[in-house]
Amino acid sequence: MSLDTTHSEGFDVDEIRRGLETDGIIACKGAFPRDWVQRLREDIDAAFQEARSRPGGAVGRGPNRWYVEIHPEDVRGFVDLVEHPWVRTVCETVLGPDYQIVEVGFDTPFPGAQVQPWHRDFPSPPETKNERRLTSLAFNLTTVDTTDEMGPFEIAPGTQWEAGDDFDHEQFPPDSEYLRYEALAQRKYPRMGDISARSALTIHRGTPNRSQLPRPVLVLGVDAPGAGNDAHHDLAVTHGFWEQLPESVRSHLSCPIVDELQPIVQKHDIEGLVMG
């Protein structure tokens, strides 16, 4: 699947940096056409069915909410996504020119999914605590037009800088902080084709899906050199896929190159804690 994104050049890097340093989340509206997203949804649905057919293929993130990590070649639009000028510009601006792609996956709250506890995706690293520097980003791309009934993503802007030393596992803030986060909270309603970038340290949660529809969201995780989140993921590509990748993509992939992909056994469960 090919995509012309040459029209998207010329993004304001100061605005990108300011958005991620203040609110902790930014977005590019209409980054991809709806038919491209529909094909992505087909790939996600197929990957979910495969993952649920085997032990460890999908991990629960609360009632009726599942996360599945996949390999880059499991989605036809991988190169389109990582080569999109806005994605490249955001990564280079915040993480530097040698950023590394460490995660591809998707999170799906199905009908009946419940509210999650406020959380961040992993503990704040020393670079963020001591130097006020972000070393990782999470890109999210919705495959639906999000409505309030679907359980939209909710985020507490500006909380990426909180040390979190008193958080459970340095990821889950105490209940005593919930009123403060709820006062800050913003719900996001992206449409098919929109893409967002956020610090995974910004406190967030999924809200209840009261609709009759699932809300699959693709996740792309990217690190600055040495951030170390690659140790928590099992990204791999086949030799044939690697040979077809442009050098501009290869330079940001340091994953194993294998003869045959192995199904990923999920370990993205936030320290084994049950969410919901």
C-alpha atoms as a PDB file:
ATOM      1  CA  MET A   1       0.000   0.000   0.000  1.00  0.00           C
ATOM      2  CA  SER A   2       1.570   3.299  -1.062  1.00  0.00           C
ATOM      3  CA  LEU A   3       0.742   6.775   0.129  1.00  0.00           C
ATOM      4  CA  ASP A   4       1.768  10.218  -1.113  1.00  0.00           C
ATOM      5  CA  THR A   5       2.552  12.425   1.879  1.00  0.00           C
ATOM      6  CA  THR A   6       4.734  15.029   0.182  1.00  0.00           C
ATOM      7  CA  HIS A   7       2.052  17.649   0.899  1.00  0.00           C
ATOM      8  CA  SER A   8       2.665  17.265   4.644  1.00  0.00           C
ATOM      9  CA  GLU A   9       6.168  18.778   4.813  1.00  0.00           C
ATOM     10  CA  GLY A  10       6.913  21.969   6.679  1.00  0.00           C
ATOM     11  CA  PHE A  11       5.762  21.308  10.255  1.00  0.00           C
ATOM     12  CA  ASP A  12       6.509  23.786  13.042  1.00  0.00           C
ATOM     13  CA  VAL A  13       9.106  22.046  15.232  1.00  0.00           C
ATOM     14  CA  ASP A  14       8.774  24.668  17.959  1.00  0.00           C
ATOM     15  CA  GLU A  15       5.058  23.941  18.157  1.00  0.00           C
ATOM     16  CA  ILE A  16       5.755  20.200  18.283  1.00  0.00           C
ATOM     17  CA  ARG A  17       8.259  20.590  21.089  1.00  0.00           C
ATOM     18  CA  ARG A  18       6.057  23.021  23.000  1.00  0.00           C
ATOM     19  CA  GLY A  19       3.024  20.732  22.768  1.00  0.00           C
ATOM     20  CA  LEU A  20       4.862  17.688  24.090  1.00  0.00           C
ATOM     21  CA  GLU A  21       6.578  19.673  26.850  1.00  0.00           C
ATOM     22  CA  THR A  22       3.331  21.292  28.054  1.00  0.00           C
ATOM     23  CA  ASP A  23       0.238  19.153  27.466  1.00  0.00           C
ATOM     24  CA  GLY A  24       2.277  16.027  26.713  1.00  0.00           C
ATOM     25  CA  ILE A  25       0.211  15.199  23.616  1.00  0.00           C
ATOM     26  CA  ILE A  26      -0.096  16.588  20.081  1.00  0.00           C
ATOM     27  CA  ALA A  27      -1.952  15.493  16.960  1.00  0.00           C
ATOM     28  CA  CYS A  28      -1.923  15.655  13.175  1.00  0.00           C
ATOM     29  CA  LYS A  29      -5.460  15.711  11.808  1.00  0.00           C
ATOM     30  CA  GLY A  30      -6.181  13.916   8.552  1.00  0.00           C
ATOM     31  CA  ALA A  31      -2.699  12.442   8.218  1.00  0.00           C
ATOM     32  CA  PHE A  32      -3.998   9.411   6.317  1.00  0.00           C
ATOM     33  CA  PRO A  33      -6.977   8.863   3.983  1.00  0.00           C
ATOM     34  CA  ARG A  34      -9.915   6.862   5.284  1.00  0.00           C
ATOM     35  CA  ASP A  35      -9.438   3.986   2.806  1.00  0.00           C
ATOM     36  CA  TRP A  36      -5.867   3.553   4.077  1.00  0.00           C
ATOM     37  CA  VAL A  37      -7.182   3.356   7.634  1.00  0.00           C
ATOM     38  CA  GLN A  38      -9.814   0.841   6.579  1.00  0.00           C
ATOM     39  CA  ARG A  39      -7.092  -1.479   5.257  1.00  0.00           C
ATOM     40  CA  LEU A  40      -5.191  -1.000   8.509  1.00  0.00           C
ATOM     41  CA  ARG A  41      -8.343  -2.013  10.395  1.00  0.00           C
ATOM     42  CA  GLU A  42      -8.572  -5.195   8.313  1.00  0.00           C
ATOM     43  CA  ASP A  43      -5.001  -6.097   9.281  1.00  0.00           C
ATOM     44  CA  ILE A  44      -5.645  -5.343  12.961  1.00  0.00           C
ATOM     45  CA  ASP A  45      -8.810  -7.445  13.011  1.00  0.00           C
ATOM     46  CA  ALA A  46      -6.961 -10.376  11.415  1.00  0.00           C
ATOM     47  CA  ALA A  47      -4.066 -10.029  13.870  1.00  0.00           C
ATOM     48  CA  PHE A  48      -6.464  -9.970  16.809  1.00  0.00           C
ATOM     49  CA  GLN A  49      -8.216 -13.145  15.708  1.00  0.00           C
ATOM     50  CA  GLU A  50      -4.846 -14.875  15.328  1.00  0.00           C
ATOM     51  CA  ALA A  51      -3.629 -13.624  18.707  1.00  0.00           C
ATOM     52  CA  ARG A  52      -6.756 -14.774  20.540  1.00  0.00           C
ATOM     53  CA  SER A  53      -6.410 -18.250  19.033  1.00  0.00           C
ATOM     54  CA  ARG A  54      -3.263 -19.061  21.047  1.00  0.00           C
ATOM     55  CA  PRO A  55      -2.068 -18.766  24.654  1.00  0.00           C
ATOM     56  CA  GLY A  56      -0.390 -15.448  25.406  1.00  0.00           C
ATOM     57  CA  GLY A  57      -1.401 -13.918  22.099  1.00  0.00           C
ATOM     58  CA  ALA A  58      -3.305 -11.036  23.691  1.00  0.00           C
ATOM     59  CA  VAL A  59      -3.052  -9.515  27.153  1.00  0.00           C
ATOM     60  CA  GLY A  60      -5.998  -8.128  29.092  1.00  0.00           C
ATOM     61  CA  ARG A  61      -5.815  -4.469  30.090  1.00  0.00           C
ATOM     62  CA  GLY A  62      -9.050  -4.633  32.078  1.00  0.00           C
ATOM     63  CA  PRO A  63     -12.491  -6.145  31.372  1.00  0.00           C
ATOM     64  CA  ASN A  64     -13.131  -6.445  27.610  1.00  0.00           C
ATOM     65  CA  ARG A  65      -9.925  -4.522  26.809  1.00  0.00           C
ATOM     66  CA  TRP A  66      -7.024  -6.190  25.026  1.00  0.00           C
ATOM     67  CA  TYR A  67      -3.524  -5.289  23.905  1.00  0.00           C
ATOM     68  CA  VAL A  68      -1.696  -7.180  21.138  1.00  0.00           C
ATOM     69  CA  GLU A  69       1.890  -6.594  20.062  1.00  0.00           C
ATOM     70  CA  ILE A  70       2.661  -7.421  16.431  1.00  0.00           C
ATOM     71  CA  HIS A  71       5.555  -7.368  13.981  1.00  0.00           C
ATOM     72  CA  PRO A  72       5.964  -4.509  11.467  1.00  0.00           C
ATOM     73  CA  GLU A  73       5.058  -6.662   8.475  1.00  0.00           C
ATOM     74  CA  ASP A  74       1.768  -7.682  10.066  1.00  0.00           C
ATOM     75  CA  VAL A  75       0.294  -4.382   8.843  1.00  0.00           C
ATOM     76  CA  ARG A  76       0.513  -3.353   5.213  1.00  0.00           C
ATOM     77  CA  GLY A  77       0.864   0.330   6.052  1.00  0.00           C
ATOM     78  CA  PHE A  78       3.911   0.111   8.329  1.00  0.00           C
ATOM     79  CA  VAL A  79       6.257   1.962   5.977  1.00  0.00           C
ATOM     80  CA  ASP A  80       3.614   4.603   5.220  1.00  0.00           C
ATOM     81  CA  LEU A  81       3.200   5.208   8.929  1.00  0.00           C
ATOM     82  CA  VAL A  82       6.841   5.480   9.968  1.00  0.00           C
ATOM     83  CA  GLU A  83       7.766   7.466   6.837  1.00  0.00           C
ATOM     84  CA  HIS A  84       4.977  10.007   7.269  1.00  0.00           C
ATOM     85  CA  PRO A  85       6.662  13.439   7.401  1.00  0.00           C
ATOM     86  CA  TRP A  86       4.848  14.439  10.597  1.00  0.00           C
ATOM     87  CA  VAL A  87       5.865  11.223  12.379  1.00  0.00           C
ATOM     88  CA  ARG A  88       9.489  11.619  11.265  1.00  0.00           C
ATOM     89  CA  THR A  89       9.547  15.298  12.244  1.00  0.00           C
ATOM     90  CA  VAL A  90       8.110  14.637  15.708  1.00  0.00           C
ATOM     91  CA  CYS A  91      10.596  11.820  16.358  1.00  0.00           C
ATOM     92  CA  GLU A  92      13.607  13.837  15.199  1.00  0.00           C
ATOM     93  CA  THR A  93      12.507  16.945  17.112  1.00  0.00           C
ATOM     94  CA  VAL A  94      11.988  15.223  20.463  1.00  0.00           C
ATOM     95  CA  LEU A  95      14.173  12.095  20.331  1.00  0.00           C
ATOM     96  CA  GLY A  96      16.954  13.128  17.946  1.00  0.00           C
ATOM     97  CA  PRO A  97      17.950  11.858  14.483  1.00  0.00           C
ATOM     98  CA  ASP A  98      18.910   8.368  15.709  1.00  0.00           C
ATOM     99  CA  TYR A  99      15.532   7.460  17.209  1.00  0.00           C
ATOM    100  CA  GLN A 100      14.568   3.767  17.234  1.00  0.00           C
ATOM    101  CA  ILE A 101      11.208   2.124  16.560  1.00  0.00           C
ATOM    102  CA  VAL A 102      10.672  -0.377  19.394  1.00  0.00           C
ATOM    103  CA  GLU A 103       6.970  -1.296  19.397  1.00  0.00           C
ATOM    104  CA  VAL A 104       4.074  -1.940  17.041  1.00  0.00           C
ATOM    105  CA  GLY A 105       0.800  -3.068  18.533  1.00  0.00           C
ATOM    106  CA  PHE A 106      -2.816  -2.195  19.067  1.00  0.00           C
ATOM    107  CA  ASP A 107      -5.127  -1.620  21.993  1.00  0.00           C
ATOM    108  CA  THR A 108      -8.837  -2.452  21.671  1.00  0.00           C
ATOM    109  CA  PRO A 109     -11.563  -1.580  24.175  1.00  0.00           C
ATOM    110  CA  PHE A 110     -14.564  -3.730  23.237  1.00  0.00           C
ATOM    111  CA  PRO A 111     -18.176  -3.079  24.263  1.00  0.00           C
ATOM    112  CA  GLY A 112     -18.338  -3.365  28.031  1.00  0.00           C
ATOM    113  CA  ALA A 113     -14.743  -2.206  28.634  1.00  0.00           C
ATOM    114  CA  GLN A 114     -14.543  -0.461  31.997  1.00  0.00           C
ATOM    115  CA  VAL A 115     -12.694   2.616  33.195  1.00  0.00           C
ATOM    116  CA  GLN A 116      -8.985   2.038  33.799  1.00  0.00           C
ATOM    117  CA  PRO A 117      -7.019   3.360  36.762  1.00  0.00           C
ATOM    118  CA  TRP A 118      -5.016   6.484  36.038  1.00  0.00           C
ATOM    119  CA  HIS A 119      -1.534   5.378  35.009  1.00  0.00           C
ATOM    120  CA  ARG A 120       1.577   5.943  32.924  1.00  0.00           C
ATOM    121  CA  ASP A 121       3.013   3.219  30.719  1.00  0.00           C
ATOM    122  CA  PHE A 122       6.339   2.825  32.559  1.00  0.00           C
ATOM    123  CA  PRO A 123       8.361   4.546  35.317  1.00  0.00           C
ATOM    124  CA  SER A 124       9.833   7.953  34.630  1.00  0.00           C
ATOM    125  CA  PRO A 125      13.516   7.595  33.629  1.00  0.00           C
ATOM    126  CA  PRO A 126      16.313   9.697  35.168  1.00  0.00           C
ATOM    127  CA  GLU A 127      16.596  11.809  32.002  1.00  0.00           C
ATOM    128  CA  THR A 128      13.022  12.965  32.472  1.00  0.00           C
ATOM    129  CA  LYS A 129      13.118  13.336  36.253  1.00  0.00           C
ATOM    130  CA  ASN A 130      16.463  15.109  36.431  1.00  0.00           C
ATOM    131  CA  GLU A 131      16.949  16.732  33.026  1.00  0.00           C
ATOM    132  CA  ARG A 132      13.325  17.327  31.970  1.00  0.00           C
ATOM    133  CA  ARG A 133      14.002  15.439  28.739  1.00  0.00           C
ATOM    134  CA  LEU A 134      11.623  13.005  27.042  1.00  0.00           C
ATOM    135  CA  THR A 135      13.248   9.782  25.822  1.00  0.00           C
ATOM    136  CA  SER A 136      10.251   7.992  24.304  1.00  0.00           C
ATOM    137  CA  LEU A 137       7.035   8.668  22.413  1.00  0.00           C
ATOM    138  CA  ALA A 138       3.845   6.728  21.751  1.00  0.00           C
ATOM    139  CA  PHE A 139       1.977   7.373  18.503  1.00  0.00           C
ATOM    140  CA  ASN A 140      -1.712   6.396  18.377  1.00  0.00           C
ATOM    141  CA  LEU A 141      -3.771   6.000  15.218  1.00  0.00           C
ATOM    142  CA  THR A 142      -7.493   5.306  15.601  1.00  0.00           C
ATOM    143  CA  THR A 143      -9.330   3.027  13.186  1.00  0.00           C
ATOM    144  CA  VAL A 144     -12.766   4.512  13.993  1.00  0.00           C
ATOM    145  CA  ASP A 145     -14.407   7.899  14.350  1.00  0.00           C
ATOM    146  CA  THR A 146     -14.355   8.099  18.128  1.00  0.00           C
ATOM    147  CA  THR A 147     -17.533   8.996  20.003  1.00  0.00           C
ATOM    148  CA  ASP A 148     -18.105   9.468  23.716  1.00  0.00           C
ATOM    149  CA  GLU A 149     -19.951   6.143  23.935  1.00  0.00           C
ATOM    150  CA  MET A 150     -16.871   4.268  22.641  1.00  0.00           C
ATOM    151  CA  GLY A 151     -14.790   4.964  25.731  1.00  0.00           C
ATOM    152  CA  PRO A 152     -12.394   7.640  24.492  1.00  0.00           C
ATOM    153  CA  PHE A 153      -8.818   8.018  25.709  1.00  0.00           C
ATOM    154  CA  GLU A 154      -8.557  10.447  28.634  1.00  0.00           C
ATOM    155  CA  ILE A 155      -5.354  12.277  29.541  1.00  0.00           C
ATOM    156  CA  ALA A 156      -4.222  14.624  32.325  1.00  0.00           C
ATOM    157  CA  PRO A 157      -2.107  17.234  30.472  1.00  0.00           C
ATOM    158  CA  GLY A 158       1.247  18.231  31.909  1.00  0.00           C
ATOM    159  CA  THR A 159       1.638  15.212  34.187  1.00  0.00           C
ATOM    160  CA  GLN A 160       4.539  13.738  32.203  1.00  0.00           C
ATOM    161  CA  TRP A 161       6.919  15.670  34.468  1.00  0.00           C
ATOM    162  CA  GLU A 162       5.632  14.229  37.761  1.00  0.00           C
ATOM    163  CA  ALA A 163       8.360  12.080  39.321  1.00  0.00           C
ATOM    164  CA  GLY A 164       5.988   9.310  40.358  1.00  0.00           C
ATOM    165  CA  ASP A 165       8.262   7.988  43.092  1.00  0.00           C
ATOM    166  CA  ASP A 166       5.214   7.374  45.286  1.00  0.00           C
ATOM    167  CA  PHE A 167       3.225   5.652  42.508  1.00  0.00           C
ATOM    168  CA  ASP A 168       2.538   1.926  42.755  1.00  0.00           C
ATOM    169  CA  HIS A 169       5.266   0.356  40.577  1.00  0.00           C
ATOM    170  CA  GLU A 170       6.122   4.020  39.784  1.00  0.00           C
ATOM    171  CA  GLN A 171       3.238   3.888  37.279  1.00  0.00           C
ATOM    172  CA  PHE A 172      -0.073   3.958  39.171  1.00  0.00           C
ATOM    173  CA  PRO A 173      -0.689   7.137  41.211  1.00  0.00           C
ATOM    174  CA  PRO A 174      -2.522   6.824  44.536  1.00  0.00           C
ATOM    175  CA  ASP A 175      -6.293   7.237  44.644  1.00  0.00           C
ATOM    176  CA  SER A 176      -5.769  10.449  46.577  1.00  0.00           C
ATOM    177  CA  GLU A 177      -4.565  12.085  43.340  1.00  0.00           C
ATOM    178  CA  TYR A 178      -7.603  11.095  41.268  1.00  0.00           C
ATOM    179  CA  LEU A 179      -9.609  14.265  41.885  1.00  0.00           C
ATOM    180  CA  ARG A 180      -6.674  16.356  40.698  1.00  0.00           C
ATOM    181  CA  TYR A 181      -6.298  14.302  37.508  1.00  0.00           C
ATOM    182  CA  GLU A 182     -10.026  14.419  36.865  1.00  0.00           C
ATOM    183  CA  ALA A 183      -9.932  18.210  37.140  1.00  0.00           C
ATOM    184  CA  LEU A 184      -7.206  18.271  34.479  1.00  0.00           C
ATOM    185  CA  ALA A 185      -8.663  15.510  32.298  1.00  0.00           C
ATOM    186  CA  GLN A 186      -9.249  15.911  28.594  1.00  0.00           C
ATOM    187  CA  ARG A 187     -11.036  13.318  26.468  1.00  0.00           C
ATOM    188  CA  LYS A 188      -9.806  12.848  22.914  1.00  0.00           C
ATOM    189  CA  TYR A 189     -12.097  12.195  19.957  1.00  0.00           C
ATOM    190  CA  PRO A 190      -9.857  11.427  16.973  1.00  0.00           C
ATOM    191  CA  ARG A 191     -11.319  10.438  13.609  1.00  0.00           C
ATOM    192  CA  MET A 192     -10.090   7.911  11.077  1.00  0.00           C
ATOM    193  CA  GLY A 193      -6.873   9.287   9.574  1.00  0.00           C
ATOM    194  CA  ASP A 194      -5.814  11.339  12.593  1.00  0.00           C
ATOM    195  CA  ILE A 195      -2.618  10.454  14.435  1.00  0.00           C
ATOM    196  CA  SER A 196      -1.394  11.622  17.832  1.00  0.00           C
ATOM    197  CA  ALA A 197       1.951  11.578  19.603  1.00  0.00           C
ATOM    198  CA  ARG A 198       2.313  11.663  23.366  1.00  0.00           C
ATOM    199  CA  SER A 199       4.690  11.031  26.165  1.00  0.00           C
ATOM    200  CA  ALA A 200       3.745   7.644  27.619  1.00  0.00           C
ATOM    201  CA  LEU A 201       4.571   9.221  30.996  1.00  0.00           C
ATOM    202  CA  THR A 202       1.605  11.593  30.793  1.00  0.00           C
ATOM    203  CA  ILE A 203      -1.037  10.220  33.163  1.00  0.00           C
ATOM    204  CA  HIS A 204      -3.951   8.733  31.220  1.00  0.00           C
ATOM    205  CA  ARG A 205      -6.677   6.096  31.217  1.00  0.00           C
ATOM    206  CA  GLY A 206      -9.254   4.423  29.034  1.00  0.00           C
ATOM    207  CA  THR A 207     -12.904   5.206  29.766  1.00  0.00           C
ATOM    208  CA  PRO A 208     -15.931   2.849  29.609  1.00  0.00           C
ATOM    209  CA  ASN A 209     -17.017   1.657  26.169  1.00  0.00           C
ATOM    210  CA  ARG A 210     -20.815   1.916  26.347  1.00  0.00           C
ATOM    211  CA  SER A 211     -21.274   1.446  22.592  1.00  0.00           C
ATOM    212  CA  GLN A 212     -21.802  -1.737  20.600  1.00  0.00           C
ATOM    213  CA  LEU A 213     -18.546  -1.231  18.669  1.00  0.00           C
ATOM    214  CA  PRO A 214     -14.869  -1.975  19.410  1.00  0.00           C
ATOM    215  CA  ARG A 215     -12.396   0.931  19.218  1.00  0.00           C
ATOM    216  CA  PRO A 216      -9.052  -0.460  17.926  1.00  0.00           C
ATOM    217  CA  VAL A 217      -6.094   1.928  18.104  1.00  0.00           C
ATOM    218  CA  LEU A 218      -2.701   1.237  16.535  1.00  0.00           C
ATOM    219  CA  VAL A 219       0.279   1.948  18.796  1.00  0.00           C
ATOM    220  CA  LEU A 220       3.775   2.840  17.564  1.00  0.00           C
ATOM    221  CA  GLY A 221       6.473   3.111  20.248  1.00  0.00           C
ATOM    222  CA  VAL A 222       9.653   5.072  19.550  1.00  0.00           C
ATOM    223  CA  ASP A 223      12.745   5.581  21.735  1.00  0.00           C
ATOM    224  CA  ALA A 224      15.673   7.932  21.895  1.00  0.00           C
ATOM    225  CA  PRO A 225      19.006   6.054  21.745  1.00  0.00           C
ATOM    226  CA  GLY A 226      19.618   4.171  24.976  1.00  0.00           C
ATOM    227  CA  ALA A 227      16.119   4.635  26.400  1.00  0.00           C
ATOM    228  CA  GLY A 228      15.870   0.866  26.794  1.00  0.00           C
ATOM    229  CA  ASN A 229      12.203   0.213  26.078  1.00  0.00           C
ATOM    230  CA  ASP A 230      13.176  -2.222  23.317  1.00  0.00           C
ATOM    231  CA  ALA A 231      13.944  -4.725  26.098  1.00  0.00           C
ATOM    232  CA  HIS A 232      10.211  -4.924  26.820  1.00  0.00           C
ATOM    233  CA  HIS A 233       9.220  -5.768  23.249  1.00  0.00           C
ATOM    234  CA  ASP A 234       9.895  -8.513  20.700  1.00  0.00           C
ATOM    235  CA  LEU A 235       9.955  -6.678  17.389  1.00  0.00           C
ATOM    236  CA  ALA A 236      11.429  -8.675  14.472  1.00  0.00           C
ATOM    237  CA  VAL A 237      11.378  -8.614  10.660  1.00  0.00           C
ATOM    238  CA  THR A 238      12.055 -11.262   8.043  1.00  0.00           C
ATOM    239  CA  HIS A 239      14.959 -11.032   5.621  1.00  0.00           C
ATOM    240  CA  GLY A 240      12.564 -10.524   2.716  1.00  0.00           C
ATOM    241  CA  PHE A 241      10.761  -7.659   4.454  1.00  0.00           C
ATOM    242  CA  TRP A 242      14.047  -6.049   5.498  1.00  0.00           C
ATOM    243  CA  GLU A 243      15.359  -6.093   1.943  1.00  0.00           C
ATOM    244  CA  GLN A 244      12.293  -4.202   0.732  1.00  0.00           C
ATOM    245  CA  LEU A 245      12.536  -1.469   3.358  1.00  0.00           C
ATOM    246  CA  PRO A 246      14.002   1.899   2.383  1.00  0.00           C
ATOM    247  CA  GLU A 247      17.235   2.767   4.161  1.00  0.00           C
ATOM    248  CA  SER A 248      15.411   5.652   5.853  1.00  0.00           C
ATOM    249  CA  VAL A 249      13.340   3.030   7.719  1.00  0.00           C
ATOM    250  CA  ARG A 250      16.107   0.464   8.274  1.00  0.00           C
ATOM    251  CA  SER A 251      18.212   3.053  10.079  1.00  0.00           C
ATOM    252  CA  HIS A 252      15.525   3.306  12.772  1.00  0.00           C
ATOM    253  CA  LEU A 253      15.043  -0.441  13.262  1.00  0.00           C
ATOM    254  CA  SER A 254      17.547  -2.396  15.349  1.00  0.00           C
ATOM    255  CA  CYS A 255      15.385  -5.489  15.786  1.00  0.00           C
ATOM    256  CA  PRO A 256      16.412  -9.048  14.829  1.00  0.00           C
ATOM    257  CA  ILE A 257      16.206 -10.068  11.163  1.00  0.00           C
ATOM    258  CA  VAL A 258      14.951 -13.648  10.978  1.00  0.00           C
ATOM    259  CA  ASP A 259      14.059 -16.351   8.477  1.00  0.00           C
ATOM    260  CA  GLU A 260      10.595 -16.798   9.945  1.00  0.00           C
ATOM    261  CA  LEU A 261       8.575 -14.684  12.375  1.00  0.00           C
ATOM    262  CA  GLN A 262       7.563 -16.213  15.685  1.00  0.00           C
ATOM    263  CA  PRO A 263       4.195 -15.264  17.203  1.00  0.00           C
ATOM    264  CA  ILE A 264       4.699 -12.768  20.011  1.00  0.00           C
ATOM    265  CA  VAL A 265       3.799 -13.861  23.530  1.00  0.00           C
ATOM    266  CA  GLN A 266       2.533 -10.698  25.147  1.00  0.00           C
ATOM    267  CA  LYS A 267       4.333  -9.221  28.137  1.00  0.00           C
ATOM    268  CA  HIS A 268       3.003  -5.680  27.936  1.00  0.00           C
ATOM    269  CA  ASP A 269       0.984  -6.090  31.118  1.00  0.00           C
ATOM    270  CA  ILE A 270       2.373  -3.259  33.275  1.00  0.00           C
ATOM    271  CA  GLU A 271       4.290  -5.290  35.834  1.00  0.00           C
ATOM    272  CA  GLY A 272       1.665  -8.036  35.793  1.00  0.00           C
ATOM    273  CA  LEU A 273      -0.985  -5.819  37.377  1.00  0.00           C
ATOM    274  CA  VAL A 274      -4.578  -6.383  36.307  1.00  0.00           C
ATOM    275  CA  MET A 275      -6.107  -3.199  34.969  1.00  0.00           C
ATOM    276  CA  GLY A 276      -9.774  -2.323  35.217  1.00  0.00           C
END
